[in-house]
N, C-alpha and C. Protein backbone atom coordinates (compact mmCIF):
# COMPACT_ATOMS: atom_id res chain seq x y z
N UNK A 1 20.63 38.91 95.14
CA UNK A 1 21.70 40.28 94.70
C UNK A 1 23.59 39.98 95.17
N UNK A 2 24.32 39.65 94.39
CA UNK A 2 25.38 39.24 93.69
C UNK A 2 26.19 40.70 93.09
N UNK A 3 26.91 40.40 93.79
CA UNK A 3 28.25 41.20 93.22
C UNK A 3 29.68 40.93 93.18
N UNK A 4 30.53 41.20 91.63
CA UNK A 4 31.40 40.94 91.67
C UNK A 4 32.07 42.14 91.38
N UNK A 5 33.30 41.87 91.25
CA UNK A 5 34.63 42.54 91.09
C UNK A 5 35.12 42.05 89.63
N UNK A 6 35.43 42.45 88.91
CA UNK A 6 36.06 42.47 87.20
C UNK A 6 37.15 42.43 86.36
N UNK A 7 38.16 42.32 86.46
CA UNK A 7 39.21 42.71 86.28
C UNK A 7 39.30 42.42 84.16
N UNK A 8 39.50 43.50 83.42
CA UNK A 8 39.94 43.37 81.93
C UNK A 8 41.13 43.42 81.46
N UNK A 9 41.72 42.56 80.70
CA UNK A 9 43.33 43.18 80.28
C UNK A 9 43.44 42.28 79.37
N UNK A 10 43.96 43.18 78.65
CA UNK A 10 43.91 43.43 77.27
C UNK A 10 44.30 45.08 76.22
N UNK A 11 43.59 44.93 74.73
CA UNK A 11 43.58 46.06 74.59
C UNK A 11 41.90 47.18 75.28
N UNK A 12 42.26 47.35 76.67
CA UNK A 12 41.18 47.63 76.96
C UNK A 12 41.18 49.30 77.31
N UNK A 13 41.94 49.55 76.86
CA UNK A 13 42.20 51.14 77.35
C UNK A 13 42.29 51.65 76.21
N UNK A 14 41.93 52.95 75.96
CA UNK A 14 41.58 54.52 74.62
C UNK A 14 40.92 53.80 73.52
N UNK A 15 39.94 52.94 73.94
CA UNK A 15 38.91 52.22 72.59
C UNK A 15 38.06 52.02 72.87
N UNK A 16 37.84 53.03 74.03
CA UNK A 16 36.09 53.36 74.50
C UNK A 16 35.41 52.23 74.99
N UNK A 17 36.62 51.70 75.48
CA UNK A 17 35.60 49.72 76.18
C UNK A 17 34.85 50.64 77.55
N UNK A 18 35.61 51.76 78.00
CA UNK A 18 34.15 51.41 79.52
C UNK A 18 32.74 52.22 78.76
N UNK A 19 33.22 52.82 78.20
CA UNK A 19 31.57 53.65 77.36
C UNK A 19 30.99 52.62 76.68
N UNK A 20 31.11 50.93 76.02
CA UNK A 20 30.47 50.31 75.39
C UNK A 20 29.97 49.56 77.03
N UNK A 21 30.67 49.48 77.76
CA UNK A 21 30.08 48.73 79.13
C UNK A 21 29.24 49.19 79.29
N UNK A 22 29.43 51.43 79.56
CA UNK A 22 28.07 51.14 80.18
C UNK A 22 26.63 50.96 79.09
N UNK A 23 27.32 51.32 78.02
CA UNK A 23 26.32 51.13 77.44
C UNK A 23 25.18 50.36 77.16
N UNK A 24 26.27 48.60 77.88
CA UNK A 24 25.68 47.64 77.51
C UNK A 24 24.94 47.11 79.02
N UNK A 25 25.37 48.23 80.28
CA UNK A 25 24.73 48.41 80.99
C UNK A 25 23.45 48.67 81.49
N UNK A 26 22.83 49.25 80.48
CA UNK A 26 21.91 50.47 80.83
C UNK A 26 20.66 49.06 80.09
N UNK A 27 20.77 47.94 79.22
CA UNK A 27 20.10 47.10 79.28
C UNK A 27 19.99 45.96 79.60
N UNK A 28 20.12 46.15 81.68
CA UNK A 28 19.81 45.30 82.39
C UNK A 28 19.94 45.80 83.80
N UNK A 29 19.46 45.21 84.63
CA UNK A 29 19.01 46.21 85.51
C UNK A 29 19.91 46.07 87.08
N UNK A 30 21.39 46.27 86.57
CA UNK A 30 22.72 46.59 86.90
C UNK A 30 23.41 47.84 88.41
N UNK A 31 23.80 48.19 89.14
CA UNK A 31 24.27 48.73 89.02
C UNK A 31 25.43 48.33 89.61
N UNK A 32 26.75 50.13 89.11
CA UNK A 32 28.56 49.27 90.06
C UNK A 32 29.17 50.64 88.38
N UNK A 33 30.11 49.91 88.97
CA UNK A 33 30.68 51.12 87.83
C UNK A 33 31.67 50.42 87.50
N UNK A 34 33.01 50.89 86.06
CA UNK A 34 34.00 50.87 85.13
C UNK A 34 34.93 51.76 85.32
N UNK A 35 36.24 51.20 85.72
CA UNK A 35 36.87 53.01 85.62
C UNK A 35 38.75 51.63 85.00
N UNK A 36 39.19 52.52 83.92
CA UNK A 36 41.09 52.51 83.67
C UNK A 36 41.56 52.26 85.14
N UNK A 37 43.11 51.23 85.11
CA UNK A 37 43.52 51.60 85.89
C UNK A 37 44.77 51.30 85.37
N UNK A 38 45.86 52.07 86.32
CA UNK A 38 46.97 52.47 85.93
C UNK A 38 48.01 51.24 85.06
N UNK A 39 47.80 50.63 85.41
CA UNK A 39 48.13 48.94 85.07
C UNK A 39 48.24 48.91 83.91
N UNK A 40 46.94 49.90 83.33
CA UNK A 40 47.01 48.49 81.86
C UNK A 40 44.74 48.42 81.64
N UNK A 41 44.14 47.91 82.79
CA UNK A 41 43.87 47.10 82.63
C UNK A 41 42.58 47.86 83.15
N UNK A 42 41.38 47.09 83.06
CA UNK A 42 40.02 47.95 83.00
C UNK A 42 38.91 47.36 84.80
N UNK A 43 38.72 48.44 85.28
CA UNK A 43 38.05 47.01 86.34
C UNK A 43 36.86 48.22 86.63
N UNK A 44 35.80 46.60 87.04
CA UNK A 44 34.57 46.60 86.96
C UNK A 44 33.62 46.18 88.39
N UNK A 45 33.07 46.98 89.25
CA UNK A 45 32.60 46.54 90.32
C UNK A 45 30.69 46.44 89.83
N UNK A 46 30.60 44.85 89.77
CA UNK A 46 28.98 45.23 89.40
C UNK A 46 28.21 44.58 90.37
N UNK A 47 27.02 44.85 90.16
CA UNK A 47 26.00 44.55 91.45
C UNK A 47 24.57 43.96 90.75
N UNK A 48 24.11 42.32 91.18
CA UNK A 48 22.78 41.87 90.36
C UNK A 48 22.17 41.14 90.88
N UNK A 49 20.68 41.44 90.68
CA UNK A 49 20.61 39.54 90.71
C UNK A 49 21.04 38.35 90.04
N UNK A 50 21.24 37.34 90.54
CA UNK A 50 22.38 36.36 89.60
C UNK A 50 22.38 36.00 88.26
N UNK A 51 21.20 35.98 88.07
CA UNK A 51 20.28 35.99 86.90
C UNK A 51 21.13 36.75 86.00
N UNK A 52 20.85 37.97 86.55
CA UNK A 52 21.06 39.02 86.07
C UNK A 52 22.45 39.37 85.21
N UNK A 53 22.70 39.35 86.12
CA UNK A 53 24.46 39.17 86.73
C UNK A 53 24.89 39.06 85.87
N UNK A 54 24.46 37.99 85.33
CA UNK A 54 25.18 35.98 84.40
C UNK A 54 24.94 36.83 82.86
N UNK A 55 23.43 37.28 82.68
CA UNK A 55 22.79 37.56 81.49
C UNK A 55 24.08 39.39 81.54
N UNK A 56 24.26 39.74 81.96
CA UNK A 56 25.23 41.42 82.05
C UNK A 56 26.26 40.89 81.23
N UNK A 57 26.80 39.85 82.51
CA UNK A 57 28.52 39.55 82.06
C UNK A 57 28.47 38.51 80.47
N UNK A 58 27.37 37.64 80.50
CA UNK A 58 27.44 37.61 79.18
C UNK A 58 27.61 38.30 77.59
N UNK A 59 26.30 38.67 77.81
CA UNK A 59 26.40 40.09 77.07
C UNK A 59 27.75 40.96 76.40
N UNK A 60 28.22 41.49 77.85
CA UNK A 60 29.74 42.09 77.27
C UNK A 60 30.44 40.82 76.49
N UNK A 61 30.30 39.58 76.55
CA UNK A 61 31.45 38.91 76.08
C UNK A 61 30.48 38.81 74.28
N UNK A 62 29.91 38.74 74.63
CA UNK A 62 29.49 38.80 72.90
C UNK A 62 29.19 39.74 72.61
N UNK A 63 30.20 41.04 72.66
CA UNK A 63 29.52 42.30 72.03
C UNK A 63 30.85 42.77 71.37
N UNK A 64 30.86 43.46 70.81
CA UNK A 64 32.50 44.36 69.99
C UNK A 64 33.18 44.42 70.86
N UNK A 65 33.36 43.73 72.42
CA UNK A 65 34.57 43.70 73.06
C UNK A 65 35.04 43.11 72.51
N UNK A 66 34.95 41.82 72.85
CA UNK A 66 34.97 40.41 73.13
C UNK A 66 36.21 40.34 72.64
N UNK A 67 36.92 40.53 71.26
CA UNK A 67 38.43 40.99 70.84
C UNK A 67 39.65 41.59 71.62
N UNK A 68 38.78 42.27 72.09
CA UNK A 68 39.82 43.11 73.24
C UNK A 68 40.50 42.77 74.96
N UNK A 69 39.35 41.58 74.44
CA UNK A 69 39.88 41.11 75.95
C UNK A 69 40.54 40.00 75.49
N UNK A 70 41.81 40.19 76.46
CA UNK A 70 43.00 39.31 76.54
C UNK A 70 42.41 38.00 78.08
N UNK A 71 42.76 38.97 79.39
CA UNK A 71 42.12 37.49 79.68
C UNK A 71 40.97 38.61 80.54
N UNK A 72 40.72 38.03 81.31
CA UNK A 72 39.37 38.62 82.48
C UNK A 72 39.59 37.25 83.97
N UNK A 73 39.69 38.10 85.02
CA UNK A 73 39.58 37.86 86.48
C UNK A 73 37.56 38.11 87.24
N UNK A 74 37.11 37.31 87.58
CA UNK A 74 36.15 37.94 88.18
C UNK A 74 36.13 37.51 89.90
N UNK A 75 36.14 38.48 90.82
CA UNK A 75 36.21 37.30 92.07
C UNK A 75 34.81 38.57 92.96
N UNK A 76 33.87 37.49 93.74
CA UNK A 76 32.68 37.95 93.87
C UNK A 76 33.34 38.78 95.12
N UNK A 77 31.96 39.98 95.73
CA UNK A 77 32.44 40.59 96.99
C UNK A 77 31.40 40.57 97.48
N UNK A 78 31.43 40.70 99.37
CA UNK A 78 30.89 40.59 99.86
C UNK A 78 30.46 41.81 100.17
N UNK A 79 30.64 43.04 99.81
CA UNK A 79 29.88 44.50 99.82
C UNK A 79 29.85 44.73 98.14
N UNK A 80 28.18 45.15 98.34
CA UNK A 80 28.18 45.40 96.73
C UNK A 80 28.89 47.11 96.70
N UNK A 81 28.71 47.55 95.41
CA UNK A 81 29.55 48.81 94.72
C UNK A 81 28.61 49.12 95.53
N UNK A 82 29.29 50.89 95.75
CA UNK A 82 27.96 51.64 96.47
C UNK A 82 27.87 52.73 95.00
N UNK A 83 27.01 52.52 94.62
CA UNK A 83 26.44 54.13 93.13
C UNK A 83 25.17 53.20 92.99
N UNK A 84 24.15 54.51 92.60
CA UNK A 84 22.41 54.13 92.37
C UNK A 84 22.63 53.47 90.71
N UNK A 85 23.86 54.16 90.09
CA UNK A 85 23.01 53.36 88.49
C UNK A 85 24.42 52.13 87.94
N UNK A 86 24.81 53.32 87.01
CA UNK A 86 26.20 52.22 86.06
C UNK A 86 27.21 53.12 85.57
N UNK A 87 28.12 53.69 86.65
CA UNK A 87 28.66 54.83 86.17
C UNK A 87 30.22 54.82 85.78
N UNK A 88 30.63 55.56 84.93
CA UNK A 88 32.15 55.48 84.45
C UNK A 88 32.74 56.49 85.65
N UNK A 89 34.11 56.13 86.16
CA UNK A 89 34.97 55.89 87.18
C UNK A 89 36.05 56.93 87.10
N UNK A 90 37.13 57.49 86.90
CA UNK A 90 37.34 58.63 86.92
C UNK A 90 39.32 57.66 87.05
């Protein structure tokens, strides 16, 4: 398993970004969560087998969300996010 924390910057709040990511996640064997941050970014923590994780992140890039993302940073996590499915957090 591999776990990553991803920060998305751009026009990523108030446009259904988190809901779209959750919909994309339904097509993959991933667990994790996504939430808005007070500074205007969106944070996601997600865990999956390495190939599945890359496929999921690539699907986010290939989706209708791509034009909204101006910057993205990905950090490996030592501890996977504690969740059973993929959820939106407040």
